[in-house]
Amino acid sequence: MDQLEPRVPSKDECNIAMLGHLLGIFTGFLGALIIWIMKKDDSAYIANQAKEALNFQITITIGFVIAWVLAFILIGFIFIPVLLVLNLIFCIIAAMAASKGQDYRYPLTLRLVQ
């Protein structure tokens, strides 16, 4: 039987997916949400990567809310910079993978958007 070759995403698809990951650094979950809503029917690759970015940003947002609540007992002030750095690092890693047309799954992410 012939095996179907996986479809390689176009450069435009890679760029839009990369943008979805990078926007998380500046806009939180809004950038990925907008890209996912606008492009989910156009490209399976963009939809998948925007959904990954959206789920990660929702997870980070939940982390920030928890850290903010914990800031009242002073321990949250430790978690806020850690979350900022993790967000930056993972968004850059995901953007680099998307620019190469690779699928990227964020670690320790709640998969809320299916």
C-alpha atoms as a PDB file:
ATOM      1  CA  MET A   1       0.000   0.000   0.000  1.00  0.00           C
ATOM      2  CA  ASP A   2       1.125   3.487  -0.748  1.00  0.00           C
ATOM      3  CA  GLN A   3       1.756   5.681   2.242  1.00  0.00           C
ATOM      4  CA  LEU A   4       0.555   9.247   2.016  1.00  0.00           C
ATOM      5  CA  GLU A   5       3.358  11.725   2.478  1.00  0.00           C
ATOM      6  CA  PRO A   6       2.637  14.321   5.160  1.00  0.00           C
ATOM      7  CA  ARG A   7       1.890  17.699   3.647  1.00  0.00           C
ATOM      8  CA  VAL A   8       4.684  20.198   4.148  1.00  0.00           C
ATOM      9  CA  PRO A   9       3.322  23.608   5.198  1.00  0.00           C
ATOM     10  CA  SER A  10       3.991  26.515   2.868  1.00  0.00           C
ATOM     11  CA  LYS A  11       6.258  29.376   3.893  1.00  0.00           C
ATOM     12  CA  ASP A  12       3.209  31.608   4.448  1.00  0.00           C
ATOM     13  CA  GLU A  13       1.665  28.986   6.736  1.00  0.00           C
ATOM     14  CA  CYS A  14       4.941  28.715   8.655  1.00  0.00           C
ATOM     15  CA  ASN A  15       5.137  32.497   9.031  1.00  0.00           C
ATOM     16  CA  ILE A  16       1.563  32.812  10.309  1.00  0.00           C
ATOM     17  CA  ALA A  17       2.093  29.928  12.753  1.00  0.00           C
ATOM     18  CA  MET A  18       5.340  31.547  13.921  1.00  0.00           C
ATOM     19  CA  LEU A  19       3.503  34.850  14.419  1.00  0.00           C
ATOM     20  CA  GLY A  20       0.867  33.072  16.510  1.00  0.00           C
ATOM     21  CA  HIS A  21       3.550  31.810  18.872  1.00  0.00           C
ATOM     22  CA  LEU A  22       5.438  35.120  19.073  1.00  0.00           C
ATOM     23  CA  LEU A  23       2.323  37.216  19.676  1.00  0.00           C
ATOM     24  CA  GLY A  24       1.886  35.355  22.958  1.00  0.00           C
ATOM     25  CA  ILE A  25       4.860  37.258  24.348  1.00  0.00           C
ATOM     26  CA  PHE A  26       3.140  40.602  23.769  1.00  0.00           C
ATOM     27  CA  THR A  27      -0.609  39.935  23.686  1.00  0.00           C
ATOM     28  CA  GLY A  28      -1.086  36.872  25.861  1.00  0.00           C
ATOM     29  CA  PHE A  29      -3.758  34.590  24.471  1.00  0.00           C
ATOM     30  CA  LEU A  30      -5.427  37.248  22.270  1.00  0.00           C
ATOM     31  CA  GLY A  31      -2.991  37.025  19.339  1.00  0.00           C
ATOM     32  CA  ALA A  32      -3.215  33.243  19.099  1.00  0.00           C
ATOM     33  CA  LEU A  33      -6.996  33.391  19.531  1.00  0.00           C
ATOM     34  CA  ILE A  34      -7.399  35.846  16.652  1.00  0.00           C
ATOM     35  CA  ILE A  35      -5.153  33.792  14.362  1.00  0.00           C
ATOM     36  CA  TRP A  36      -6.931  30.570  15.298  1.00  0.00           C
ATOM     37  CA  ILE A  37     -10.383  32.060  14.670  1.00  0.00           C
ATOM     38  CA  MET A  38      -9.365  33.617  11.347  1.00  0.00           C
ATOM     39  CA  LYS A  39      -7.279  30.740   9.927  1.00  0.00           C
ATOM     40  CA  LYS A  40      -8.628  27.523  11.474  1.00  0.00           C
ATOM     41  CA  ASP A  41     -10.558  26.613   8.311  1.00  0.00           C
ATOM     42  CA  ASP A  42      -7.793  27.636   5.882  1.00  0.00           C
ATOM     43  CA  SER A  43      -4.890  25.481   7.057  1.00  0.00           C
ATOM     44  CA  ALA A  44      -4.699  22.493   9.380  1.00  0.00           C
ATOM     45  CA  TYR A  45      -1.097  23.398  10.238  1.00  0.00           C
ATOM     46  CA  ILE A  46      -1.941  26.983  11.227  1.00  0.00           C
ATOM     47  CA  ALA A  47      -5.014  25.810  13.152  1.00  0.00           C
ATOM     48  CA  ASN A  48      -2.969  23.243  15.085  1.00  0.00           C
ATOM     49  CA  GLN A  49      -0.136  25.629  15.938  1.00  0.00           C
ATOM     50  CA  ALA A  50      -2.474  28.512  16.839  1.00  0.00           C
ATOM     51  CA  LYS A  51      -4.424  26.122  19.069  1.00  0.00           C
ATOM     52  CA  GLU A  52      -1.185  25.029  20.766  1.00  0.00           C
ATOM     53  CA  ALA A  53      -0.164  28.660  21.311  1.00  0.00           C
ATOM     54  CA  LEU A  54      -3.647  29.510  22.590  1.00  0.00           C
ATOM     55  CA  ASN A  55      -3.666  26.610  25.065  1.00  0.00           C
ATOM     56  CA  PHE A  56      -0.205  27.556  26.322  1.00  0.00           C
ATOM     57  CA  GLN A  57      -1.141  31.213  26.777  1.00  0.00           C
ATOM     58  CA  ILE A  58      -4.320  30.243  28.638  1.00  0.00           C
ATOM     59  CA  THR A  59      -2.198  28.036  30.913  1.00  0.00           C
ATOM     60  CA  ILE A  60       0.273  30.891  31.489  1.00  0.00           C
ATOM     61  CA  THR A  61      -2.624  33.269  32.231  1.00  0.00           C
ATOM     62  CA  ILE A  62      -3.973  30.840  34.830  1.00  0.00           C
ATOM     63  CA  GLY A  63      -0.467  30.688  36.295  1.00  0.00           C
ATOM     64  CA  PHE A  64      -0.316  34.489  36.499  1.00  0.00           C
ATOM     65  CA  VAL A  65      -3.680  34.625  38.270  1.00  0.00           C
ATOM     66  CA  ILE A  66      -2.503  32.046  40.802  1.00  0.00           C
ATOM     67  CA  ALA A  67       0.815  33.891  41.270  1.00  0.00           C
ATOM     68  CA  TRP A  68      -1.039  37.184  41.741  1.00  0.00           C
ATOM     69  CA  VAL A  69      -3.248  35.623  44.420  1.00  0.00           C
ATOM     70  CA  LEU A  70      -0.165  34.113  46.082  1.00  0.00           C
ATOM     71  CA  ALA A  71       1.525  37.518  45.968  1.00  0.00           C
ATOM     72  CA  PHE A  72      -0.618  38.495  48.937  1.00  0.00           C
ATOM     73  CA  ILE A  73       1.366  36.010  51.019  1.00  0.00           C
ATOM     74  CA  LEU A  74       4.596  37.107  49.281  1.00  0.00           C
ATOM     75  CA  ILE A  75       5.376  33.787  47.587  1.00  0.00           C
ATOM     76  CA  GLY A  76       3.694  34.858  44.331  1.00  0.00           C
ATOM     77  CA  PHE A  77       6.349  37.486  43.687  1.00  0.00           C
ATOM     78  CA  ILE A  78       8.779  34.628  43.035  1.00  0.00           C
ATOM     79  CA  PHE A  79       6.505  32.950  40.483  1.00  0.00           C
ATOM     80  CA  ILE A  80       5.679  36.011  38.368  1.00  0.00           C
ATOM     81  CA  PRO A  81       9.214  36.510  36.948  1.00  0.00           C
ATOM     82  CA  VAL A  82       9.577  32.749  36.480  1.00  0.00           C
ATOM     83  CA  LEU A  83       6.371  32.658  34.432  1.00  0.00           C
ATOM     84  CA  LEU A  84       7.523  35.638  32.356  1.00  0.00           C
ATOM     85  CA  VAL A  85      10.825  33.937  31.523  1.00  0.00           C
ATOM     86  CA  LEU A  86       9.173  30.581  30.767  1.00  0.00           C
ATOM     87  CA  ASN A  87       6.659  32.291  28.487  1.00  0.00           C
ATOM     88  CA  LEU A  88       9.448  34.052  26.604  1.00  0.00           C
ATOM     89  CA  ILE A  89      11.601  30.927  26.232  1.00  0.00           C
ATOM     90  CA  PHE A  90       8.836  28.561  25.148  1.00  0.00           C
ATOM     91  CA  CYS A  91       7.302  31.068  22.719  1.00  0.00           C
ATOM     92  CA  ILE A  92      10.680  31.539  21.028  1.00  0.00           C
ATOM     93  CA  ILE A  93      11.311  27.775  20.844  1.00  0.00           C
ATOM     94  CA  ALA A  94       7.834  27.235  19.377  1.00  0.00           C
ATOM     95  CA  ALA A  95       8.298  30.058  16.867  1.00  0.00           C
ATOM     96  CA  MET A  96      11.608  28.581  15.713  1.00  0.00           C
ATOM     97  CA  ALA A  97       9.972  25.172  15.217  1.00  0.00           C
ATOM     98  CA  ALA A  98       7.038  26.742  13.352  1.00  0.00           C
ATOM     99  CA  SER A  99       9.394  28.655  11.056  1.00  0.00           C
ATOM    100  CA  LYS A 100      10.802  25.261   9.978  1.00  0.00           C
ATOM    101  CA  GLY A 101       7.328  23.796   9.437  1.00  0.00           C
ATOM    102  CA  GLN A 102       7.562  21.498  12.460  1.00  0.00           C
ATOM    103  CA  ASP A 103       4.715  20.777  14.834  1.00  0.00           C
ATOM    104  CA  TYR A 104       5.434  22.001  18.356  1.00  0.00           C
ATOM    105  CA  ARG A 105       3.652  20.971  21.540  1.00  0.00           C
ATOM    106  CA  TYR A 106       4.246  23.075  24.620  1.00  0.00           C
ATOM    107  CA  PRO A 107       5.131  21.066  27.729  1.00  0.00           C
ATOM    108  CA  LEU A 108       2.903  21.129  30.830  1.00  0.00           C
ATOM    109  CA  THR A 109       0.042  22.789  28.980  1.00  0.00           C
ATOM    110  CA  LEU A 110      -3.656  22.399  29.683  1.00  0.00           C
ATOM    111  CA  ARG A 111      -5.360  21.353  26.438  1.00  0.00           C
ATOM    112  CA  LEU A 112      -8.537  23.384  26.909  1.00  0.00           C
ATOM    113  CA  VAL A 113      -9.144  24.300  23.262  1.00  0.00           C
ATOM    114  CA  GLN A 114      -9.718  21.208  21.170  1.00  0.00           C
END
